[in-house]
Amino acid sequence: MKELKNNNQELQGNVHEIFIKKFQVPEAAYGVIDRMFTPEEIDFVSRIETERFQLEEMRALGVANPEQFAESAYRRGVISLADGAAKVYRISDFYSRLDIFSITEVESYHEISEQERLGLDAWYFETYYQSLSQDPKQAPTEDEILPLDEVLAFIDRQDRPVYLNLCDCRSLRGGCGQPAKTCITYKDGINSFVHRGLSEKIDKDQAKKVVMEADKAGLVHTLNSNGICNCCGDCCYLFRGQKKRNSIGLWPKSSYRIKVDHTKCIGCGKCIRRCSFSVFSFDGAAENIPKTLRLDASACIGCGICVTGCPVSALTLKGR
């Protein structure tokens, strides 16, 4: 009996080794594999030998209900579509699965220890960063920082279906306390969150409400052709990447910088509290000396979050 148990453990270990290699599981995730994948998913990924496969190949491997398995594994990011019309699948990868896991199984993700979550987040960020062009003079993506009014105008111009998801950056990293249901997407092709059935369909008014509430919370609006993100300064991969690249103004693209009218400023400090990039500070805080707002324009990303929070309209955006 002991020998049989040892043989089963050895077989299970071999399956996990094959799965880790084929699914590109990083060392940071070794301890959470069984939380993120079912035994059936691990077994299937380990045993499928063809790069592309359909339901027939699943059935040949002994999958009891290929249609149901394919639907579930696709939704969960374990498999992806290589050809949507012909329903040809391929094995996905850990990067995609972790993204989906963090936004769809939030409770399970937070049952993972904080140390493990931070390790997963660090790996995910580094993988994301390495996927970008490393040319410091080129913007690696089309992402652009825009103030609230321009984002609302963008939403009004769209005639595409619009959807809402949890922010994957804040879902993966967590801990900043900012709202997470803030990711607006128009991307609905194969392998997208929408196509996998993970997104909530909303309308233009709801999308604008999401952005306005995000603005109140001090979240920065970034936009590309696929949608709108509402970003914090500590979790967001765009701004963590920007810091690592030292690319303020270039990437994400920014058309503005902040300007202060000192004749209007009342020294309330709200801009200091709302800014995620340490642009503002006070001079002259000593007794009988009026406080003067100072700003470091070189740190300004041109988001306008300080503008929408200023109670006396002392702040405006100007072109770079």
C-alpha atoms as a PDB file:
ATOM      1  CA  MET A   1       0.000   0.000   0.000  1.00  0.00           C
ATOM      2  CA  LYS A   2       2.868   2.363   0.885  1.00  0.00           C
ATOM      3  CA  GLU A   3       4.574   1.575  -2.442  1.00  0.00           C
ATOM      4  CA  LEU A   4       1.350   2.338  -4.340  1.00  0.00           C
ATOM      5  CA  LYS A   5       1.019   5.670  -2.499  1.00  0.00           C
ATOM      6  CA  ASN A   6       4.612   6.567  -3.335  1.00  0.00           C
ATOM      7  CA  ASN A   7       4.038   5.678  -7.005  1.00  0.00           C
ATOM      8  CA  ASN A   8       0.929   7.886  -7.110  1.00  0.00           C
ATOM      9  CA  GLN A   9       2.832  10.777  -5.556  1.00  0.00           C
ATOM     10  CA  GLU A  10       5.657  10.359  -8.050  1.00  0.00           C
ATOM     11  CA  LEU A  11       3.169  10.273 -10.938  1.00  0.00           C
ATOM     12  CA  GLN A  12       1.439  13.397  -9.644  1.00  0.00           C
ATOM     13  CA  GLY A  13       4.808  15.116  -9.323  1.00  0.00           C
ATOM     14  CA  ASN A  14       5.674  14.268 -12.930  1.00  0.00           C
ATOM     15  CA  VAL A  15       2.307  15.641 -14.110  1.00  0.00           C
ATOM     16  CA  HIS A  16       2.953  18.883 -12.246  1.00  0.00           C
ATOM     17  CA  GLU A  17       6.433  19.181 -13.752  1.00  0.00           C
ATOM     18  CA  ILE A  18       5.035  18.783 -17.269  1.00  0.00           C
ATOM     19  CA  PHE A  19       2.217  21.224 -16.496  1.00  0.00           C
ATOM     20  CA  ILE A  20       4.636  23.841 -15.091  1.00  0.00           C
ATOM     21  CA  LYS A  21       6.769  23.693 -18.220  1.00  0.00           C
ATOM     22  CA  LYS A  22       3.918  23.707 -20.749  1.00  0.00           C
ATOM     23  CA  PHE A  23       1.893  26.398 -18.987  1.00  0.00           C
ATOM     24  CA  GLN A  24       4.949  28.589 -18.282  1.00  0.00           C
ATOM     25  CA  VAL A  25       4.320  28.692 -14.549  1.00  0.00           C
ATOM     26  CA  PRO A  26       6.901  30.858 -12.734  1.00  0.00           C
ATOM     27  CA  GLU A  27       8.601  29.762  -9.553  1.00  0.00           C
ATOM     28  CA  ALA A  28       6.660  32.429  -7.640  1.00  0.00           C
ATOM     29  CA  ALA A  29       3.464  30.437  -8.346  1.00  0.00           C
ATOM     30  CA  TYR A  30       4.597  26.915  -7.495  1.00  0.00           C
ATOM     31  CA  GLY A  31       2.857  27.014  -4.141  1.00  0.00           C
ATOM     32  CA  VAL A  32      -0.526  28.127  -5.520  1.00  0.00           C
ATOM     33  CA  ILE A  33      -0.961  25.862  -8.547  1.00  0.00           C
ATOM     34  CA  ASP A  34      -3.577  23.679  -6.893  1.00  0.00           C
ATOM     35  CA  ARG A  35      -5.575  26.761  -5.882  1.00  0.00           C
ATOM     36  CA  MET A  36      -5.618  28.205  -9.376  1.00  0.00           C
ATOM     37  CA  PHE A  37      -6.221  25.044 -11.415  1.00  0.00           C
ATOM     38  CA  THR A  38      -8.472  22.017 -11.117  1.00  0.00           C
ATOM     39  CA  PRO A  39      -6.959  18.509 -11.290  1.00  0.00           C
ATOM     40  CA  GLU A  40      -8.723  18.059 -14.635  1.00  0.00           C
ATOM     41  CA  GLU A  41      -7.122  21.209 -16.060  1.00  0.00           C
ATOM     42  CA  ILE A  42      -3.658  20.191 -14.883  1.00  0.00           C
ATOM     43  CA  ASP A  43      -4.111  16.698 -16.300  1.00  0.00           C
ATOM     44  CA  PHE A  44      -5.389  17.958 -19.647  1.00  0.00           C
ATOM     45  CA  VAL A  45      -2.628  20.540 -20.159  1.00  0.00           C
ATOM     46  CA  SER A  46      -0.039  17.912 -19.232  1.00  0.00           C
ATOM     47  CA  ARG A  47      -1.351  15.303 -21.644  1.00  0.00           C
ATOM     48  CA  ILE A  48      -2.410  17.269 -24.736  1.00  0.00           C
ATOM     49  CA  GLU A  49       0.356  16.941 -27.315  1.00  0.00           C
ATOM     50  CA  THR A  50      -0.934  18.977 -30.261  1.00  0.00           C
ATOM     51  CA  GLU A  51      -0.332  22.717 -30.430  1.00  0.00           C
ATOM     52  CA  ARG A  52      -3.859  23.269 -31.746  1.00  0.00           C
ATOM     53  CA  PHE A  53      -6.823  21.109 -30.836  1.00  0.00           C
ATOM     54  CA  GLN A  54     -10.599  20.800 -31.016  1.00  0.00           C
ATOM     55  CA  LEU A  55     -13.230  18.912 -29.068  1.00  0.00           C
ATOM     56  CA  GLU A  56     -12.295  15.644 -30.789  1.00  0.00           C
ATOM     57  CA  GLU A  57      -8.798  15.744 -29.314  1.00  0.00           C
ATOM     58  CA  MET A  58     -10.261  16.449 -25.879  1.00  0.00           C
ATOM     59  CA  ARG A  59     -12.585  13.495 -26.221  1.00  0.00           C
ATOM     60  CA  ALA A  60      -9.720  11.252 -27.324  1.00  0.00           C
ATOM     61  CA  LEU A  61      -7.871  12.117 -24.107  1.00  0.00           C
ATOM     62  CA  GLY A  62     -10.828  10.898 -22.090  1.00  0.00           C
ATOM     63  CA  VAL A  63     -12.381  14.259 -21.203  1.00  0.00           C
ATOM     64  CA  ALA A  64     -15.879  13.212 -20.156  1.00  0.00           C
ATOM     65  CA  ASN A  65     -17.725  16.270 -21.436  1.00  0.00           C
ATOM     66  CA  PRO A  66     -15.492  18.143 -23.908  1.00  0.00           C
ATOM     67  CA  GLU A  67     -18.016  20.910 -24.597  1.00  0.00           C
ATOM     68  CA  GLN A  68     -18.449  21.730 -20.924  1.00  0.00           C
ATOM     69  CA  PHE A  69     -14.726  21.430 -20.193  1.00  0.00           C
ATOM     70  CA  ALA A  70     -13.804  23.688 -23.132  1.00  0.00           C
ATOM     71  CA  GLU A  71     -16.339  26.326 -22.082  1.00  0.00           C
ATOM     72  CA  SER A  72     -15.081  26.357 -18.491  1.00  0.00           C
ATOM     73  CA  ALA A  73     -11.361  26.213 -19.363  1.00  0.00           C
ATOM     74  CA  TYR A  74     -11.783  29.020 -21.902  1.00  0.00           C
ATOM     75  CA  ARG A  75     -13.663  31.219 -19.449  1.00  0.00           C
ATOM     76  CA  ARG A  76     -10.992  30.598 -16.811  1.00  0.00           C
ATOM     77  CA  GLY A  77      -8.096  31.378 -19.170  1.00  0.00           C
ATOM     78  CA  VAL A  78      -6.641  27.869 -19.175  1.00  0.00           C
ATOM     79  CA  ILE A  79      -7.166  27.520 -22.915  1.00  0.00           C
ATOM     80  CA  SER A  80      -7.533  30.204 -25.581  1.00  0.00           C
ATOM     81  CA  LEU A  81      -8.983  30.296 -29.060  1.00  0.00           C
ATOM     82  CA  ALA A  82      -6.647  30.031 -32.028  1.00  0.00           C
ATOM     83  CA  ASP A  83      -9.555  30.170 -34.482  1.00  0.00           C
ATOM     84  CA  GLY A  84     -12.884  31.375 -33.149  1.00  0.00           C
ATOM     85  CA  ALA A  85     -14.985  30.427 -36.158  1.00  0.00           C
ATOM     86  CA  ALA A  86     -13.679  26.846 -36.303  1.00  0.00           C
ATOM     87  CA  LYS A  87     -13.426  26.542 -32.491  1.00  0.00           C
ATOM     88  CA  VAL A  88      -9.783  25.594 -32.599  1.00  0.00           C
ATOM     89  CA  TYR A  89      -8.113  25.970 -29.218  1.00  0.00           C
ATOM     90  CA  ARG A  90      -4.587  26.241 -27.857  1.00  0.00           C
ATOM     91  CA  ILE A  91      -3.095  26.058 -24.407  1.00  0.00           C
ATOM     92  CA  SER A  92      -3.002  29.479 -22.773  1.00  0.00           C
ATOM     93  CA  ASP A  93      -0.272  30.545 -20.320  1.00  0.00           C
ATOM     94  CA  PHE A  94       0.099  31.467 -16.677  1.00  0.00           C
ATOM     95  CA  TYR A  95       0.227  35.209 -17.396  1.00  0.00           C
ATOM     96  CA  SER A  96      -3.295  35.137 -18.870  1.00  0.00           C
ATOM     97  CA  ARG A  97      -4.675  32.811 -16.209  1.00  0.00           C
ATOM     98  CA  LEU A  98      -3.334  34.924 -13.332  1.00  0.00           C
ATOM     99  CA  ASP A  99      -4.924  38.048 -14.793  1.00  0.00           C
ATOM    100  CA  ILE A 100      -8.313  36.319 -15.021  1.00  0.00           C
ATOM    101  CA  PHE A 101      -7.966  34.599 -11.641  1.00  0.00           C
ATOM    102  CA  SER A 102      -7.327  37.879  -9.825  1.00  0.00           C
ATOM    103  CA  ILE A 103     -10.442  39.625 -11.192  1.00  0.00           C
ATOM    104  CA  THR A 104     -12.912  36.725 -11.223  1.00  0.00           C
ATOM    105  CA  GLU A 105     -11.961  34.754  -8.113  1.00  0.00           C
ATOM    106  CA  VAL A 106     -11.169  37.652  -5.826  1.00  0.00           C
ATOM    107  CA  GLU A 107     -11.878  35.808  -2.580  1.00  0.00           C
ATOM    108  CA  SER A 108      -9.705  32.850  -3.583  1.00  0.00           C
ATOM    109  CA  TYR A 109      -6.924  35.159  -4.713  1.00  0.00           C
ATOM    110  CA  HIS A 110      -6.912  36.924  -1.349  1.00  0.00           C
ATOM    111  CA  GLU A 111      -6.757  33.624   0.483  1.00  0.00           C
ATOM    112  CA  ILE A 112      -3.217  33.439  -0.889  1.00  0.00           C
ATOM    113  CA  SER A 113      -0.741  34.925   1.574  1.00  0.00           C
ATOM    114  CA  GLU A 114       0.256  38.556   1.086  1.00  0.00           C
ATOM    115  CA  GLN A 115       3.856  37.518   0.494  1.00  0.00           C
ATOM    116  CA  GLU A 116       2.795  35.130  -2.290  1.00  0.00           C
ATOM    117  CA  ARG A 117       0.496  37.746  -3.848  1.00  0.00           C
ATOM    118  CA  LEU A 118       3.284  40.329  -3.876  1.00  0.00           C
ATOM    119  CA  GLY A 119       5.550  37.735  -5.481  1.00  0.00           C
ATOM    120  CA  LEU A 120       2.971  37.047  -8.178  1.00  0.00           C
ATOM    121  CA  ASP A 121       2.448  40.754  -8.752  1.00  0.00           C
ATOM    122  CA  ALA A 122       6.193  41.369  -9.040  1.00  0.00           C
ATOM    123  CA  TRP A 123       6.512  38.546 -11.582  1.00  0.00           C
ATOM    124  CA  TYR A 124       3.500  39.782 -13.558  1.00  0.00           C
ATOM    125  CA  PHE A 125       4.803  43.349 -13.675  1.00  0.00           C
ATOM    126  CA  GLU A 126       8.256  42.246 -14.805  1.00  0.00           C
ATOM    127  CA  THR A 127       6.735  40.027 -17.518  1.00  0.00           C
ATOM    128  CA  TYR A 128       4.571  42.932 -18.665  1.00  0.00           C
ATOM    129  CA  TYR A 129       7.553  45.305 -18.621  1.00  0.00           C
ATOM    130  CA  GLN A 130       9.771  42.951 -20.615  1.00  0.00           C
ATOM    131  CA  SER A 131       7.033  42.640 -23.263  1.00  0.00           C
ATOM    132  CA  LEU A 132       7.351  46.355 -24.004  1.00  0.00           C
ATOM    133  CA  SER A 133       9.765  47.862 -26.481  1.00  0.00           C
ATOM    134  CA  GLN A 134      12.884  48.793 -24.547  1.00  0.00           C
ATOM    135  CA  ASP A 135      13.712  51.764 -26.772  1.00  0.00           C
ATOM    136  CA  PRO A 136      13.542  54.704 -24.309  1.00  0.00           C
ATOM    137  CA  LYS A 137      12.807  57.153 -27.116  1.00  0.00           C
ATOM    138  CA  GLN A 138       9.702  55.302 -28.291  1.00  0.00           C
ATOM    139  CA  ALA A 139       6.303  54.948 -26.622  1.00  0.00           C
ATOM    140  CA  PRO A 140       5.788  51.173 -26.290  1.00  0.00           C
ATOM    141  CA  THR A 141       1.961  51.397 -26.299  1.00  0.00           C
ATOM    142  CA  GLU A 142      -0.642  53.897 -27.460  1.00  0.00           C
ATOM    143  CA  ASP A 143      -1.824  54.697 -23.910  1.00  0.00           C
ATOM    144  CA  GLU A 144      -2.529  58.359 -23.259  1.00  0.00           C
ATOM    145  CA  ILE A 145      -3.305  60.339 -20.101  1.00  0.00           C
ATOM    146  CA  LEU A 146      -6.366  62.561 -20.492  1.00  0.00           C
ATOM    147  CA  PRO A 147      -8.302  64.908 -18.188  1.00  0.00           C
ATOM    148  CA  LEU A 148     -11.873  64.141 -17.204  1.00  0.00           C
ATOM    149  CA  ASP A 149     -13.659  66.291 -19.792  1.00  0.00           C
ATOM    150  CA  GLU A 150     -11.769  64.721 -22.700  1.00  0.00           C
ATOM    151  CA  VAL A 151     -12.454  61.196 -21.463  1.00  0.00           C
ATOM    152  CA  LEU A 152     -16.172  61.926 -21.163  1.00  0.00           C
ATOM    153  CA  ALA A 153     -16.146  63.341 -24.707  1.00  0.00           C
ATOM    154  CA  PHE A 154     -14.394  60.178 -25.928  1.00  0.00           C
ATOM    155  CA  ILE A 155     -17.111  57.998 -24.380  1.00  0.00           C
ATOM    156  CA  ASP A 156     -19.812  60.113 -26.068  1.00  0.00           C
ATOM    157  CA  ARG A 157     -18.176  59.650 -29.477  1.00  0.00           C
ATOM    158  CA  GLN A 158     -18.125  55.842 -29.293  1.00  0.00           C
ATOM    159  CA  ASP A 159     -20.773  53.770 -31.061  1.00  0.00           C
ATOM    160  CA  ARG A 160     -19.318  50.463 -29.848  1.00  0.00           C
ATOM    161  CA  PRO A 161     -20.682  48.246 -27.062  1.00  0.00           C
ATOM    162  CA  VAL A 162     -19.026  49.129 -23.763  1.00  0.00           C
ATOM    163  CA  TYR A 163     -18.190  46.844 -20.826  1.00  0.00           C
ATOM    164  CA  LEU A 164     -16.907  47.072 -17.269  1.00  0.00           C
ATOM    165  CA  ASN A 165     -14.363  44.967 -15.376  1.00  0.00           C
ATOM    166  CA  LEU A 166     -12.372  45.061 -12.180  1.00  0.00           C
ATOM    167  CA  CYS A 167      -9.001  46.773 -12.542  1.00  0.00           C
ATOM    168  CA  ASP A 168      -6.486  43.949 -12.928  1.00  0.00           C
ATOM    169  CA  CYS A 169      -3.585  46.070 -11.609  1.00  0.00           C
ATOM    170  CA  ARG A 170      -5.317  46.826  -8.301  1.00  0.00           C
ATOM    171  CA  SER A 171      -6.765  43.313  -8.173  1.00  0.00           C
ATOM    172  CA  LEU A 172      -3.300  41.772  -8.524  1.00  0.00           C
ATOM    173  CA  ARG A 173      -1.433  44.095  -6.188  1.00  0.00           C
ATOM    174  CA  GLY A 174      -4.212  45.227  -3.852  1.00  0.00           C
ATOM    175  CA  GLY A 175      -3.826  47.159  -0.648  1.00  0.00           C
ATOM    176  CA  CYS A 176      -4.167  50.753  -1.903  1.00  0.00           C
ATOM    177  CA  GLY A 177      -7.828  50.975  -0.913  1.00  0.00           C
ATOM    178  CA  GLN A 178      -8.957  52.626  -4.147  1.00  0.00           C
ATOM    179  CA  PRO A 179     -12.081  51.491  -6.065  1.00  0.00           C
ATOM    180  CA  ALA A 180     -11.408  48.481  -8.283  1.00  0.00           C
ATOM    181  CA  LYS A 181     -14.476  48.223 -10.542  1.00  0.00           C
ATOM    182  CA  THR A 182     -13.180  50.907 -12.869  1.00  0.00           C
ATOM    183  CA  CYS A 183     -11.869  49.261 -16.055  1.00  0.00           C
ATOM    184  CA  ILE A 184     -13.908  50.196 -19.157  1.00  0.00           C
ATOM    185  CA  THR A 185     -13.345  48.154 -22.299  1.00  0.00           C
ATOM    186  CA  TYR A 186     -14.506  48.121 -25.906  1.00  0.00           C
ATOM    187  CA  LYS A 187     -12.407  45.074 -26.762  1.00  0.00           C
ATOM    188  CA  ASP A 188     -14.661  42.121 -27.503  1.00  0.00           C
ATOM    189  CA  GLY A 189     -12.732  39.835 -29.886  1.00  0.00           C
ATOM    190  CA  ILE A 190     -11.638  36.275 -29.154  1.00  0.00           C
ATOM    191  CA  ASN A 191      -9.692  35.783 -25.917  1.00  0.00           C
ATOM    192  CA  SER A 192     -10.851  39.128 -24.524  1.00  0.00           C
ATOM    193  CA  PHE A 193     -12.556  39.343 -21.146  1.00  0.00           C
ATOM    194  CA  VAL A 194     -15.769  40.161 -22.975  1.00  0.00           C
ATOM    195  CA  HIS A 195     -15.600  37.123 -25.262  1.00  0.00           C
ATOM    196  CA  ARG A 196     -14.783  34.873 -22.306  1.00  0.00           C
ATOM    197  CA  GLY A 197     -17.962  36.093 -20.590  1.00  0.00           C
ATOM    198  CA  LEU A 198     -16.191  37.930 -17.774  1.00  0.00           C
ATOM    199  CA  SER A 199     -17.371  41.507 -18.396  1.00  0.00           C
ATOM    200  CA  GLU A 200     -20.461  43.456 -17.399  1.00  0.00           C
ATOM    201  CA  LYS A 201     -22.182  45.248 -20.262  1.00  0.00           C
ATOM    202  CA  ILE A 202     -22.970  48.888 -19.483  1.00  0.00           C
ATOM    203  CA  ASP A 203     -24.124  51.942 -21.439  1.00  0.00           C
ATOM    204  CA  LYS A 204     -22.540  55.333 -22.111  1.00  0.00           C
ATOM    205  CA  ASP A 205     -24.116  57.008 -19.101  1.00  0.00           C
ATOM    206  CA  GLN A 206     -22.913  54.239 -16.808  1.00  0.00           C
ATOM    207  CA  ALA A 207     -19.431  54.444 -18.317  1.00  0.00           C
ATOM    208  CA  LYS A 208     -19.308  58.186 -17.713  1.00  0.00           C
ATOM    209  CA  LYS A 209     -20.497  57.681 -14.141  1.00  0.00           C
ATOM    210  CA  VAL A 210     -17.671  55.183 -13.543  1.00  0.00           C
ATOM    211  CA  VAL A 211     -15.120  57.710 -14.807  1.00  0.00           C
ATOM    212  CA  MET A 212     -16.568  60.591 -12.794  1.00  0.00           C
ATOM    213  CA  GLU A 213     -16.609  58.532  -9.590  1.00  0.00           C
ATOM    214  CA  ALA A 214     -13.034  57.455 -10.301  1.00  0.00           C
ATOM    215  CA  ASP A 215     -12.080  61.102 -10.732  1.00  0.00           C
ATOM    216  CA  LYS A 216     -13.613  61.952  -7.353  1.00  0.00           C
ATOM    217  CA  ALA A 217     -11.496  59.188  -5.838  1.00  0.00           C
ATOM    218  CA  GLY A 218      -8.360  60.719  -7.373  1.00  0.00           C
ATOM    219  CA  LEU A 219      -7.762  58.059 -10.030  1.00  0.00           C
ATOM    220  CA  VAL A 220      -5.900  59.031 -13.201  1.00  0.00           C
ATOM    221  CA  HIS A 221      -7.645  58.448 -16.544  1.00  0.00           C
ATOM    222  CA  THR A 222      -5.648  56.653 -19.239  1.00  0.00           C
ATOM    223  CA  LEU A 223      -7.067  55.774 -22.611  1.00  0.00           C
ATOM    224  CA  ASN A 224      -6.290  53.666 -25.651  1.00  0.00           C
ATOM    225  CA  SER A 225      -8.377  52.391 -28.559  1.00  0.00           C
ATOM    226  CA  ASN A 226      -9.500  49.361 -26.521  1.00  0.00           C
ATOM    227  CA  GLY A 227     -10.808  51.264 -23.527  1.00  0.00           C
ATOM    228  CA  ILE A 228     -10.282  53.440 -20.466  1.00  0.00           C
ATOM    229  CA  CYS A 229      -8.379  52.679 -17.275  1.00  0.00           C
ATOM    230  CA  ASN A 230      -8.670  54.675 -14.061  1.00  0.00           C
ATOM    231  CA  CYS A 231      -5.291  54.321 -12.428  1.00  0.00           C
ATOM    232  CA  CYS A 232      -3.708  54.818  -9.034  1.00  0.00           C
ATOM    233  CA  GLY A 233      -0.055  55.715  -8.725  1.00  0.00           C
ATOM    234  CA  ASP A 234       1.127  52.661  -6.816  1.00  0.00           C
ATOM    235  CA  CYS A 235      -0.600  49.597  -8.365  1.00  0.00           C
ATOM    236  CA  CYS A 236      -0.958  50.611 -12.017  1.00  0.00           C
ATOM    237  CA  TYR A 237       1.478  48.884 -14.367  1.00  0.00           C
ATOM    238  CA  LEU A 238       1.505  51.842 -16.735  1.00  0.00           C
ATOM    239  CA  PHE A 239       2.826  54.188 -14.085  1.00  0.00           C
ATOM    240  CA  ARG A 240       5.107  51.635 -12.479  1.00  0.00           C
ATOM    241  CA  GLY A 241       6.482  51.104 -15.989  1.00  0.00           C
ATOM    242  CA  GLN A 242       6.708  54.856 -16.536  1.00  0.00           C
ATOM    243  CA  LYS A 243       8.745  55.234 -13.375  1.00  0.00           C
ATOM    244  CA  LYS A 244      11.092  52.421 -14.380  1.00  0.00           C
ATOM    245  CA  ARG A 245      11.520  53.892 -17.873  1.00  0.00           C
ATOM    246  CA  ASN A 246      11.720  57.493 -16.600  1.00  0.00           C
ATOM    247  CA  SER A 247       9.324  58.461 -19.380  1.00  0.00           C
ATOM    248  CA  ILE A 248       7.020  61.181 -17.998  1.00  0.00           C
ATOM    249  CA  GLY A 249       5.476  63.047 -20.916  1.00  0.00           C
ATOM    250  CA  LEU A 250       6.558  60.484 -23.496  1.00  0.00           C
ATOM    251  CA  TRP A 251       4.767  57.406 -22.149  1.00  0.00           C
ATOM    252  CA  PRO A 252       2.012  57.192 -21.324  1.00  0.00           C
ATOM    253  CA  LYS A 253       1.512  60.086 -23.725  1.00  0.00           C
ATOM    254  CA  SER A 254       0.738  63.356 -21.958  1.00  0.00           C
ATOM    255  CA  SER A 255      -0.247  66.605 -23.646  1.00  0.00           C
ATOM    256  CA  TYR A 256      -0.483  68.784 -20.548  1.00  0.00           C
ATOM    257  CA  ARG A 257       1.253  70.141 -17.472  1.00  0.00           C
ATOM    258  CA  ILE A 258      -0.259  71.920 -14.497  1.00  0.00           C
ATOM    259  CA  LYS A 259      -0.226  75.672 -13.928  1.00  0.00           C
ATOM    260  CA  VAL A 260      -1.111  77.433 -10.649  1.00  0.00           C
ATOM    261  CA  ASP A 261      -2.660  80.883 -10.217  1.00  0.00           C
ATOM    262  CA  HIS A 262      -1.217  82.018  -6.881  1.00  0.00           C
ATOM    263  CA  THR A 263      -3.711  84.891  -6.661  1.00  0.00           C
ATOM    264  CA  LYS A 264      -6.524  82.351  -6.321  1.00  0.00           C
ATOM    265  CA  CYS A 265      -4.820  79.630  -4.255  1.00  0.00           C
ATOM    266  CA  ILE A 266      -6.106  79.471  -0.648  1.00  0.00           C
ATOM    267  CA  GLY A 267      -3.504  76.954   0.558  1.00  0.00           C
ATOM    268  CA  CYS A 268      -6.013  74.224   1.380  1.00  0.00           C
ATOM    269  CA  GLY A 269      -3.612  71.442   0.332  1.00  0.00           C
ATOM    270  CA  LYS A 270      -6.259  69.398  -1.474  1.00  0.00           C
ATOM    271  CA  CYS A 271      -4.060  69.176  -4.580  1.00  0.00           C
ATOM    272  CA  ILE A 272      -1.241  67.722  -2.470  1.00  0.00           C
ATOM    273  CA  ARG A 273      -3.534  65.023  -1.145  1.00  0.00           C
ATOM    274  CA  ARG A 274      -5.011  64.162  -4.560  1.00  0.00           C
ATOM    275  CA  CYS A 275      -1.787  64.057  -6.556  1.00  0.00           C
ATOM    276  CA  SER A 276      -0.161  60.620  -6.791  1.00  0.00           C
ATOM    277  CA  PHE A 277       3.104  61.963  -8.189  1.00  0.00           C
ATOM    278  CA  SER A 278       4.338  64.426  -5.527  1.00  0.00           C
ATOM    279  CA  VAL A 279       4.012  67.433  -7.805  1.00  0.00           C
ATOM    280  CA  PHE A 280       2.862  69.842  -5.070  1.00  0.00           C
ATOM    281  CA  SER A 281       4.324  71.066  -1.774  1.00  0.00           C
ATOM    282  CA  PHE A 282       4.087  74.085   0.515  1.00  0.00           C
ATOM    283  CA  ASP A 283       6.735  76.678   1.297  1.00  0.00           C
ATOM    284  CA  GLY A 284       6.510  79.248   4.084  1.00  0.00           C
ATOM    285  CA  ALA A 285       4.591  77.249   6.650  1.00  0.00           C
ATOM    286  CA  ALA A 286       6.189  79.114   9.559  1.00  0.00           C
ATOM    287  CA  GLU A 287       4.162  81.386  11.840  1.00  0.00           C
ATOM    288  CA  ASN A 288       3.054  84.695  10.259  1.00  0.00           C
ATOM    289  CA  ILE A 289       4.322  83.574   6.844  1.00  0.00           C
ATOM    290  CA  PRO A 290       1.612  82.674   4.307  1.00  0.00           C
ATOM    291  CA  LYS A 291       1.869  79.230   2.791  1.00  0.00           C
ATOM    292  CA  THR A 292       2.872  79.262  -0.871  1.00  0.00           C
ATOM    293  CA  LEU A 293       2.053  76.385  -3.146  1.00  0.00           C
ATOM    294  CA  ARG A 294       5.068  75.096  -5.036  1.00  0.00           C
ATOM    295  CA  LEU A 295       5.015  72.633  -7.862  1.00  0.00           C
ATOM    296  CA  ASP A 296       7.527  70.414  -9.577  1.00  0.00           C
ATOM    297  CA  ALA A 297       6.377  70.587 -13.187  1.00  0.00           C
ATOM    298  CA  SER A 298       8.865  67.904 -14.222  1.00  0.00           C
ATOM    299  CA  ALA A 299       6.923  65.354 -12.149  1.00  0.00           C
ATOM    300  CA  CYS A 300       3.519  66.348 -13.561  1.00  0.00           C
ATOM    301  CA  ILE A 301       1.842  63.786 -15.824  1.00  0.00           C
ATOM    302  CA  GLY A 302      -0.913  66.180 -16.918  1.00  0.00           C
ATOM    303  CA  CYS A 303      -3.845  64.146 -15.599  1.00  0.00           C
ATOM    304  CA  GLY A 304      -5.871  67.055 -14.207  1.00  0.00           C
ATOM    305  CA  ILE A 305      -6.875  65.237 -11.027  1.00  0.00           C
ATOM    306  CA  CYS A 306      -5.710  68.260  -9.024  1.00  0.00           C
ATOM    307  CA  VAL A 307      -7.770  70.562 -11.265  1.00  0.00           C
ATOM    308  CA  THR A 308     -11.055  68.766 -10.648  1.00  0.00           C
ATOM    309  CA  GLY A 309     -10.335  68.786  -6.908  1.00  0.00           C
ATOM    310  CA  CYS A 310      -9.391  72.455  -6.531  1.00  0.00           C
ATOM    311  CA  PRO A 311     -12.226  74.350  -4.776  1.00  0.00           C
ATOM    312  CA  VAL A 312     -11.215  77.796  -6.119  1.00  0.00           C
ATOM    313  CA  SER A 313     -10.137  76.949  -9.713  1.00  0.00           C
ATOM    314  CA  ALA A 314      -6.560  77.982  -9.004  1.00  0.00           C
ATOM    315  CA  LEU A 315      -5.183  75.148 -11.140  1.00  0.00           C
ATOM    316  CA  THR A 316      -5.369  74.754 -14.907  1.00  0.00           C
ATOM    317  CA  LEU A 317      -3.790  72.477 -17.479  1.00  0.00           C
ATOM    318  CA  LYS A 318      -1.570  73.952 -20.173  1.00  0.00           C
ATOM    319  CA  GLY A 319       0.012  72.312 -23.204  1.00  0.00           C
ATOM    320  CA  ARG A 320       3.465  70.808 -22.839  1.00  0.00           C
END
